[in-house]
Protein backbone atom coordinates (compact mmCIF):
# COMPACT_ATOMS: atom_id res chain seq x y z
CA SER A 1 -31.02 -23.49 -60.26
CA SER A 2 -29.05 -26.67 -59.71
CA GLU A 3 -27.34 -26.55 -63.11
CA ILE A 4 -26.28 -22.92 -62.71
CA GLN A 5 -24.82 -23.58 -59.27
CA GLN A 6 -22.96 -26.67 -60.48
CA ARG A 7 -21.44 -24.75 -63.39
CA ILE A 8 -20.20 -21.99 -61.07
CA MET A 9 -18.76 -24.55 -58.66
CA ALA A 10 -16.95 -26.33 -61.51
CA ALA A 11 -15.61 -23.16 -63.14
CA GLU A 12 -12.02 -21.96 -62.75
CA VAL A 13 -11.53 -18.76 -60.81
CA PRO A 14 -9.94 -16.20 -63.19
CA PRO A 15 -6.17 -15.95 -62.50
CA ALA A 16 -6.29 -12.25 -61.61
CA LEU A 17 -9.10 -12.85 -59.12
CA GLU A 18 -7.36 -15.90 -57.66
CA ASP A 19 -4.16 -13.87 -57.13
CA ALA A 20 -6.16 -11.07 -55.50
CA ILE A 21 -7.97 -13.44 -53.11
CA LEU A 22 -4.84 -15.35 -52.10
CA GLY A 23 -2.81 -12.14 -51.80
CA ALA A 24 -5.42 -10.55 -49.55
CA TYR A 25 -5.49 -13.68 -47.37
CA GLU A 26 -1.70 -13.60 -47.03
CA ARG A 27 -1.84 -9.96 -45.89
CA LEU A 28 -4.55 -10.89 -43.38
CA ARG A 29 -2.46 -13.84 -42.15
CA ARG A 30 0.60 -11.62 -41.60
CA ASP A 31 -1.44 -8.98 -39.75
CA VAL A 32 -3.06 -11.57 -37.48
CA ALA A 33 0.27 -13.32 -36.84
CA ALA A 34 1.88 -9.99 -35.91
CA ALA A 35 -0.91 -9.47 -33.37
CA GLY A 36 -0.36 -12.97 -31.94
CA GLY A 37 -3.71 -14.31 -33.16
CA ALA A 38 -2.68 -16.98 -35.67
CA GLY A 39 -3.20 -20.68 -35.02
CA PRO A 40 -0.39 -23.08 -34.08
CA ASP A 41 0.19 -23.85 -37.77
CA GLY A 42 0.40 -20.14 -38.63
CA ASP A 43 -2.86 -20.20 -40.58
CA VAL A 44 -5.91 -18.06 -39.95
CA ARG A 45 -9.42 -19.53 -40.14
CA VAL A 46 -11.80 -17.20 -41.90
CA SER A 47 -15.49 -16.69 -42.46
CA MET A 48 -16.66 -16.35 -46.07
CA ARG A 49 -19.88 -14.36 -45.87
CA SER A 50 -22.36 -13.59 -48.62
CA SER A 51 -23.54 -10.04 -49.26
CA ALA A 52 -25.45 -9.39 -52.45
CA LEU A 53 -25.94 -5.94 -53.93
CA GLY A 54 -29.37 -4.68 -52.84
CA GLU A 55 -29.77 -7.52 -50.32
CA ASP A 56 -30.86 -5.17 -47.55
CA ALA A 57 -32.54 -2.46 -49.59
CA ALA A 58 -35.80 -1.05 -48.30
CA GLY A 59 -38.63 -3.48 -48.92
CA ALA A 60 -36.31 -6.40 -49.72
CA THR A 61 -35.75 -9.36 -47.42
CA PHE A 62 -32.94 -11.45 -48.92
CA ALA A 63 -31.69 -12.44 -45.47
CA GLY A 64 -30.94 -16.14 -45.20
CA GLN A 65 -31.20 -16.86 -48.94
CA PHE A 66 -27.46 -16.91 -49.59
CA LYS A 67 -24.69 -19.01 -48.10
CA SER A 68 -21.96 -18.20 -45.60
CA ILE A 69 -19.16 -20.66 -44.80
CA LEU A 70 -17.30 -20.49 -41.49
CA GLY A 71 -13.97 -21.94 -40.43
CA VAL A 72 -12.35 -21.92 -43.89
CA ARG A 73 -8.66 -22.82 -44.14
CA PRO A 74 -6.41 -21.23 -46.82
CA GLU A 75 -6.55 -24.25 -49.11
CA GLY A 76 -10.35 -24.00 -49.14
CA LEU A 77 -10.62 -20.29 -49.98
CA LEU A 78 -11.35 -20.63 -53.70
CA ASP A 79 -13.85 -23.47 -53.27
CA ALA A 80 -15.66 -21.48 -50.56
CA TYR A 81 -15.66 -18.40 -52.79
CA ARG A 82 -17.30 -20.34 -55.63
CA GLU A 83 -19.82 -21.92 -53.28
CA VAL A 84 -20.92 -18.59 -51.83
CA ALA A 85 -21.07 -16.95 -55.27
CA ALA A 86 -23.15 -19.89 -56.56
CA SER A 87 -25.67 -19.43 -53.75
CA LYS A 88 -27.03 -16.41 -55.64
CA TYR A 89 -28.83 -19.04 -57.71
CA THR A 90 -30.50 -21.10 -55.03
CA LEU A 91 -34.10 -21.89 -55.89
CA HIS A 92 -35.32 -19.69 -53.03
CA ALA A 93 -33.24 -16.69 -54.12
CA MET A 94 -34.15 -17.01 -57.81
CA THR A 95 -37.86 -17.37 -57.05
CA TYR A 96 -37.75 -14.33 -54.75
CA ARG A 97 -36.07 -12.15 -57.40
CA LEU A 98 -38.51 -13.24 -60.10
CA SER A 99 -41.55 -12.64 -57.87
CA ARG A 100 -40.29 -9.14 -57.01
CA GLY A 101 -39.29 -8.17 -60.54
CA ILE A 102 -35.64 -7.84 -59.53
CA ARG A 103 -33.32 -8.35 -62.52
CA ASP A 104 -30.53 -10.88 -62.18
CA GLU A 105 -27.93 -8.34 -63.37
CA ASP A 106 -28.97 -5.94 -60.59
CA VAL A 107 -27.91 -8.37 -57.84
CA ALA A 108 -24.13 -8.69 -57.93
CA MET A 109 -22.77 -11.13 -55.33
CA CYS A 110 -20.01 -10.03 -52.99
CA VAL A 111 -18.11 -12.54 -50.85
CA GLY A 112 -16.78 -10.95 -47.68
CA CYS A 113 -13.85 -12.58 -45.89
CA MET A 114 -12.90 -11.95 -42.26
CA GLN A 115 -11.02 -13.71 -39.50
CA LEU A 116 -13.27 -16.19 -37.70
CA VAL A 117 -13.93 -15.06 -34.14
CA ASP A 118 -13.20 -17.80 -31.60
CA ALA A 119 -16.35 -16.84 -29.74
CA ARG A 120 -16.94 -17.51 -26.07
CA SER A 121 -20.49 -16.27 -26.61
CA GLY A 122 -22.47 -15.10 -29.60
CA GLY A 123 -25.92 -14.25 -30.76
CA VAL A 124 -28.34 -11.87 -32.40
CA MET A 125 -29.85 -8.66 -31.09
CA TYR A 126 -32.63 -6.43 -32.33
CA SER A 127 -32.50 -2.71 -31.63
CA ARG A 128 -36.32 -2.80 -31.37
CA ASN A 129 -38.87 -5.52 -30.70
CA PRO A 130 -39.38 -7.15 -34.15
CA LEU A 131 -42.84 -8.35 -33.11
CA CYS A 132 -44.17 -4.93 -32.08
CA VAL A 133 -43.40 -1.61 -33.75
CA ARG A 134 -44.49 0.23 -30.60
CA ASP A 135 -41.94 -1.48 -28.33
CA ALA A 136 -38.54 0.27 -28.36
CA SER A 137 -36.88 -2.31 -26.08
CA ILE A 138 -33.66 -3.99 -27.24
CA PHE A 139 -33.94 -7.78 -27.51
CA LEU A 140 -30.72 -9.75 -27.19
CA ASN A 141 -30.46 -13.54 -27.73
CA SER A 142 -27.25 -15.24 -26.62
CA VAL A 143 -25.62 -18.70 -26.49
CA TRP A 144 -22.24 -20.18 -25.64
CA GLY A 145 -19.97 -20.41 -28.69
CA LEU A 146 -20.58 -19.06 -32.18
CA PRO A 147 -23.85 -17.24 -32.96
CA THR A 148 -24.81 -19.75 -35.68
CA ALA A 149 -26.70 -21.73 -33.02
CA VAL A 150 -28.99 -18.71 -32.51
CA VAL A 151 -29.43 -18.14 -36.23
CA ASP A 152 -30.35 -21.76 -37.00
CA GLY A 153 -32.31 -22.32 -33.78
CA THR A 154 -30.42 -25.46 -32.72
CA THR A 155 -29.81 -24.34 -29.11
CA PRO A 156 -32.05 -22.73 -26.48
CA THR A 157 -31.00 -19.10 -26.10
CA ASP A 158 -30.65 -16.72 -23.19
CA LEU A 159 -32.84 -13.64 -23.61
CA PHE A 160 -32.00 -10.16 -22.34
CA VAL A 161 -34.47 -7.32 -22.80
CA LEU A 162 -32.94 -3.89 -22.20
CA ASP A 163 -34.12 -0.31 -22.01
CA PRO A 164 -32.47 1.66 -24.85
CA ALA A 165 -32.32 4.93 -22.88
CA SER A 166 -30.75 3.71 -19.64
CA GLY A 167 -29.29 0.40 -20.76
CA ALA A 168 -30.91 -1.30 -17.77
CA VAL A 169 -31.74 -5.00 -18.08
CA LYS A 170 -35.55 -5.20 -17.81
CA THR A 171 -35.92 -8.95 -18.35
CA CYS A 172 -33.44 -11.81 -18.25
CA GLU A 173 -34.38 -15.40 -19.12
CA ILE A 174 -31.55 -17.93 -18.80
CA LYS A 175 -31.98 -21.28 -20.54
CA ARG A 176 -30.10 -24.55 -20.14
CA LYS A 177 -27.63 -24.65 -23.04
CA GLU A 178 -26.24 -28.19 -23.40
CA SER A 179 -24.19 -27.69 -26.57
CA ARG A 180 -22.31 -25.00 -28.47
CA THR A 181 -20.90 -24.49 -31.95
CA VAL A 182 -17.11 -24.00 -32.16
CA PRO A 183 -14.41 -24.02 -34.89
CA ASP A 184 -13.34 -27.55 -35.75
CA GLU A 185 -9.70 -28.58 -35.44
CA GLY A 186 -9.66 -29.37 -39.17
CA GLU A 187 -12.01 -27.18 -41.17
CA GLY A 188 -15.52 -25.88 -40.62
CA LEU A 189 -17.47 -26.08 -37.38
CA ARG A 190 -18.50 -28.75 -34.89
CA ARG A 191 -20.91 -29.11 -32.02
CA GLU A 192 -19.59 -29.92 -28.58
CA VAL A 193 -21.13 -30.54 -25.17
CA VAL A 194 -21.12 -27.59 -22.77
CA GLU A 195 -19.58 -28.24 -19.36
CA GLU A 196 -22.25 -29.00 -16.78
CA GLU A 197 -21.22 -26.05 -14.61
CA LEU A 198 -21.77 -23.65 -17.54
CA ALA A 199 -24.96 -25.10 -19.00
CA CYS A 200 -27.36 -23.12 -16.81
CA LEU A 201 -25.21 -19.99 -16.38
CA PRO A 202 -25.84 -16.76 -18.36
CA SER A 203 -23.79 -16.71 -21.55
CA LEU A 204 -23.40 -12.93 -21.11
CA SER A 205 -22.78 -10.75 -18.09
CA ASP A 206 -25.14 -7.83 -17.46
CA ALA A 207 -22.26 -5.45 -18.25
CA GLU A 208 -21.69 -7.12 -21.64
CA ALA A 209 -25.42 -7.03 -22.39
CA ARG A 210 -25.50 -3.30 -21.58
CA GLU A 211 -22.51 -2.62 -23.83
CA LEU A 212 -24.14 -4.52 -26.69
CA ALA A 213 -27.34 -2.53 -26.14
CA ARG A 214 -25.33 0.71 -26.32
CA LEU A 215 -23.87 -0.41 -29.64
CA ALA A 216 -27.35 -1.32 -30.92
CA VAL A 217 -28.52 2.23 -30.21
CA GLN A 218 -25.50 3.64 -32.06
CA LEU A 219 -26.07 1.40 -35.06
CA GLU A 220 -29.75 2.35 -35.22
CA GLU A 221 -28.80 6.02 -35.19
CA ALA A 222 -26.07 5.53 -37.80
CA TYR A 223 -28.30 3.63 -40.24
CA GLY A 224 -31.47 5.61 -39.56
CA GLY A 225 -33.72 2.74 -38.49
CA PRO A 226 -34.10 -0.43 -36.39
CA GLN A 227 -31.34 -3.00 -36.93
CA ASP A 228 -30.94 -6.79 -36.80
CA ILE A 229 -27.37 -7.36 -35.53
CA GLU A 230 -25.20 -10.48 -35.29
CA TRP A 231 -22.39 -10.30 -32.72
CA ALA A 232 -19.78 -12.33 -30.84
CA VAL A 233 -17.69 -11.98 -27.68
CA ASP A 234 -14.28 -13.66 -27.50
CA GLY A 235 -12.55 -15.19 -24.48
CA THR A 236 -11.12 -11.84 -23.39
CA GLY A 237 -14.55 -10.17 -23.39
CA ARG A 238 -13.91 -8.21 -26.60
CA ILE A 239 -17.11 -7.58 -28.59
CA PHE A 240 -17.26 -8.10 -32.37
CA LEU A 241 -20.13 -6.83 -34.51
CA LEU A 242 -20.31 -9.36 -37.35
CA GLN A 243 -23.08 -7.88 -39.48
CA CYS A 244 -26.26 -5.85 -39.29
CA ARG A 245 -29.21 -5.30 -41.57
CA PRO A 246 -32.48 -3.36 -41.42
CA LEU A 247 -34.92 -5.00 -39.02
CA GLN A 248 -38.27 -6.04 -40.46
CA GLN A 249 -40.81 -5.24 -37.74
CA MET A 250 -44.36 -6.52 -37.32
CA ALA A 251 -47.40 -5.09 -35.62
CA GLY A 252 -48.17 -6.76 -32.30
CA GLU A 253 -48.48 -6.37 -28.56
CA PRO A 254 -45.55 -4.89 -26.58
CA GLY A 255 -43.46 -7.45 -24.72
CA GLY A 256 -43.99 -10.25 -27.25
CA ALA A 257 -41.45 -13.05 -26.87
CA VAL A 258 -38.57 -12.99 -29.37
CA ALA A 259 -36.17 -15.93 -29.82
């Protein structure tokens, strides 16, 4: 595993692929600049996100095995690309494929690239209760800043439980959130202290929670089953759906806590 990853990281990106990656970034940079969203230096920070072929196929649970890199500057694009591609060969991912009889050649690695959302709030929502197949409630976990703090569990999260039919907030548990993850001034991400006056406030308004719940219902209908959805809200209140995958549900009692 280690040797394969090191060889990929040390390899040269083929010239045609390098030109395609850098050309696509330049088009993205121009589009964002035209919309007034580029940084003071004219660059656009991006997220390099892994998505392997078959990753979310029925019965497969590849989630979390591959790498995503956030806050990448243009000079780091090719290194980030290699690093994400190499994560196909982490020990966890290789062991999982071997144990499931999944051939290496059947799992091509895609590296998605998108503008990094400068998130005021972010989190993960489930279109059904993942701990109880009989509970159709929407569970929404939220923090200040980027949703990575929800994914890695480094910050207490606000919890909203909503009715999928009416969109009404049935339960709301607000936690004290003392830190948040934000884009660093250089490259990557950093943790910063949340202002005291915000620490105990909801990281989402009820109206934003209801709109996210409405989108969760639409995604479930579009994909034909319960979904696990990562999202962000920027400083203007605009909602971004970052990714979704089929939700793996468990048997259990309705109303089980989800965080």
